[in-house]
Amino acid sequence: MRHLALAVPDVPAALAELRARGVRTEELRTDEHTGKQMAFFFDPDDLPLELYEA
């Protein structure tokens, strides 16, 4: 398994909240297969976690 993905109703809002708390994130993207929004962020050990549009 490469990473865990968390389903959220509003990826941009969740990303903004993480950034406001000082969490390192990547840019918002769109999944080319589903058209849903997604973004990665990193835990304290620098492991990737994904936010995915529910």
N, C-alpha and C. Protein backbone atom coordinates (compact mmCIF):
# COMPACT_ATOMS: atom_id res chain seq x y z
N MET A 1 0.85 -1.17 0.00
CA MET A 1 0.00 0.00 0.00
C MET A 1 0.90 1.24 0.00
N ARG A 2 0.61 2.17 -0.88
CA ARG A 2 1.41 3.37 -1.00
C ARG A 2 0.97 4.45 -0.01
N HIS A 3 -0.35 4.62 0.17
CA HIS A 3 -0.84 5.67 1.07
C HIS A 3 -2.31 5.41 1.41
N LEU A 4 -2.81 6.17 2.37
CA LEU A 4 -4.23 6.14 2.72
C LEU A 4 -4.92 7.33 2.08
N ALA A 5 -6.16 7.15 1.69
CA ALA A 5 -6.97 8.24 1.15
C ALA A 5 -8.16 8.47 2.06
N LEU A 6 -8.47 9.73 2.32
CA LEU A 6 -9.59 10.10 3.17
C LEU A 6 -10.64 10.79 2.30
N ALA A 7 -11.86 10.31 2.32
CA ALA A 7 -12.95 10.92 1.55
C ALA A 7 -13.47 12.12 2.33
N VAL A 8 -13.52 13.26 1.67
CA VAL A 8 -14.05 14.49 2.28
C VAL A 8 -15.01 15.15 1.30
N PRO A 9 -16.03 15.85 1.81
CA PRO A 9 -17.00 16.46 0.92
C PRO A 9 -16.47 17.69 0.17
N ASP A 10 -15.46 18.37 0.73
CA ASP A 10 -14.95 19.60 0.14
C ASP A 10 -13.42 19.62 0.25
N VAL A 11 -12.76 19.14 -0.79
CA VAL A 11 -11.30 19.04 -0.76
C VAL A 11 -10.64 20.41 -0.60
N PRO A 12 -11.05 21.46 -1.35
CA PRO A 12 -10.40 22.76 -1.16
C PRO A 12 -10.51 23.29 0.28
N ALA A 13 -11.66 23.10 0.91
CA ALA A 13 -11.83 23.57 2.29
C ALA A 13 -10.95 22.77 3.25
N ALA A 14 -10.89 21.45 3.07
CA ALA A 14 -10.05 20.62 3.93
C ALA A 14 -8.58 20.97 3.74
N LEU A 15 -8.18 21.22 2.51
CA LEU A 15 -6.81 21.61 2.20
C LEU A 15 -6.47 22.95 2.85
N ALA A 16 -7.38 23.90 2.78
CA ALA A 16 -7.16 25.22 3.38
C ALA A 16 -7.02 25.09 4.90
N GLU A 17 -7.81 24.23 5.52
CA GLU A 17 -7.72 24.05 6.97
C GLU A 17 -6.37 23.43 7.35
N LEU A 18 -5.93 22.45 6.59
CA LEU A 18 -4.62 21.84 6.87
C LEU A 18 -3.50 22.87 6.72
N ARG A 19 -3.55 23.66 5.67
CA ARG A 19 -2.51 24.68 5.44
C ARG A 19 -2.51 25.72 6.56
N ALA A 20 -3.69 26.10 7.02
CA ALA A 20 -3.79 27.08 8.10
C ALA A 20 -3.17 26.55 9.39
N ARG A 21 -3.12 25.23 9.52
CA ARG A 21 -2.54 24.59 10.71
C ARG A 21 -1.06 24.23 10.51
N GLY A 22 -0.50 24.67 9.38
CA GLY A 22 0.92 24.46 9.13
C GLY A 22 1.29 23.11 8.55
N VAL A 23 0.31 22.38 8.04
CA VAL A 23 0.59 21.07 7.45
C VAL A 23 1.07 21.27 6.01
N ARG A 24 2.13 20.55 5.65
CA ARG A 24 2.65 20.62 4.28
C ARG A 24 1.69 19.89 3.34
N THR A 25 1.33 20.55 2.25
CA THR A 25 0.40 20.00 1.29
C THR A 25 0.93 20.18 -0.13
N GLU A 26 0.34 19.43 -1.04
CA GLU A 26 0.56 19.64 -2.46
C GLU A 26 -0.62 20.44 -3.00
N GLU A 27 -0.55 20.79 -4.26
CA GLU A 27 -1.62 21.55 -4.89
C GLU A 27 -2.85 20.68 -5.15
N LEU A 28 -3.98 21.33 -5.25
CA LEU A 28 -5.24 20.68 -5.60
C LEU A 28 -5.13 20.13 -7.02
N ARG A 29 -5.62 18.92 -7.23
CA ARG A 29 -5.60 18.29 -8.55
C ARG A 29 -6.99 17.73 -8.87
N THR A 30 -7.16 17.33 -10.11
CA THR A 30 -8.37 16.65 -10.52
C THR A 30 -7.98 15.27 -11.03
N ASP A 31 -8.62 14.24 -10.51
CA ASP A 31 -8.37 12.87 -10.95
C ASP A 31 -8.81 12.75 -12.40
N GLU A 32 -7.89 12.40 -13.28
CA GLU A 32 -8.20 12.35 -14.71
C GLU A 32 -9.18 11.25 -15.07
N HIS A 33 -9.33 10.25 -14.21
CA HIS A 33 -10.24 9.13 -14.49
C HIS A 33 -11.66 9.37 -13.99
N THR A 34 -11.80 10.08 -12.87
CA THR A 34 -13.13 10.28 -12.28
C THR A 34 -13.62 11.72 -12.34
N GLY A 35 -12.71 12.67 -12.56
CA GLY A 35 -13.07 14.08 -12.56
C GLY A 35 -13.23 14.66 -11.16
N LYS A 36 -12.92 13.88 -10.12
CA LYS A 36 -13.06 14.36 -8.74
C LYS A 36 -11.78 15.06 -8.29
N GLN A 37 -11.94 15.99 -7.33
CA GLN A 37 -10.81 16.73 -6.80
C GLN A 37 -10.06 15.88 -5.77
N MET A 38 -8.75 16.13 -5.70
CA MET A 38 -7.91 15.39 -4.77
C MET A 38 -6.67 16.22 -4.46
N ALA A 39 -6.03 15.90 -3.34
CA ALA A 39 -4.78 16.56 -2.97
C ALA A 39 -4.07 15.70 -1.94
N PHE A 40 -2.75 15.80 -1.92
CA PHE A 40 -1.95 15.09 -0.94
C PHE A 40 -1.47 16.04 0.14
N PHE A 41 -1.33 15.49 1.35
CA PHE A 41 -0.69 16.21 2.44
C PHE A 41 0.20 15.20 3.15
N PHE A 42 1.00 15.68 4.10
CA PHE A 42 2.02 14.82 4.68
C PHE A 42 1.95 14.81 6.20
N ASP A 43 2.09 13.61 6.76
CA ASP A 43 2.06 13.46 8.22
C ASP A 43 3.40 13.90 8.82
N PRO A 44 3.54 13.88 10.14
CA PRO A 44 4.79 14.33 10.76
C PRO A 44 6.04 13.53 10.35
N ASP A 45 5.84 12.29 9.87
CA ASP A 45 6.95 11.48 9.39
C ASP A 45 7.17 11.67 7.89
N ASP A 46 6.47 12.63 7.29
CA ASP A 46 6.55 12.96 5.88
C ASP A 46 5.99 11.86 4.97
N LEU A 47 5.06 11.09 5.50
CA LEU A 47 4.38 10.08 4.68
C LEU A 47 3.14 10.72 4.04
N PRO A 48 2.84 10.34 2.79
CA PRO A 48 1.72 10.97 2.08
C PRO A 48 0.37 10.43 2.53
N LEU A 49 -0.58 11.34 2.63
CA LEU A 49 -1.99 11.02 2.87
C LEU A 49 -2.77 11.78 1.80
N GLU A 50 -3.89 11.25 1.39
CA GLU A 50 -4.64 11.86 0.30
C GLU A 50 -6.03 12.29 0.77
N LEU A 51 -6.44 13.46 0.30
CA LEU A 51 -7.83 13.90 0.44
C LEU A 51 -8.49 13.64 -0.90
N TYR A 52 -9.66 13.03 -0.88
CA TYR A 52 -10.35 12.68 -2.13
C TYR A 52 -11.81 13.08 -2.02
N GLU A 53 -12.32 13.72 -3.04
CA GLU A 53 -13.71 14.20 -3.05
C GLU A 53 -14.69 13.05 -2.89
N ALA A 54 -15.54 13.14 -1.89
CA ALA A 54 -16.54 12.10 -1.60
C ALA A 54 -17.68 12.18 -2.58
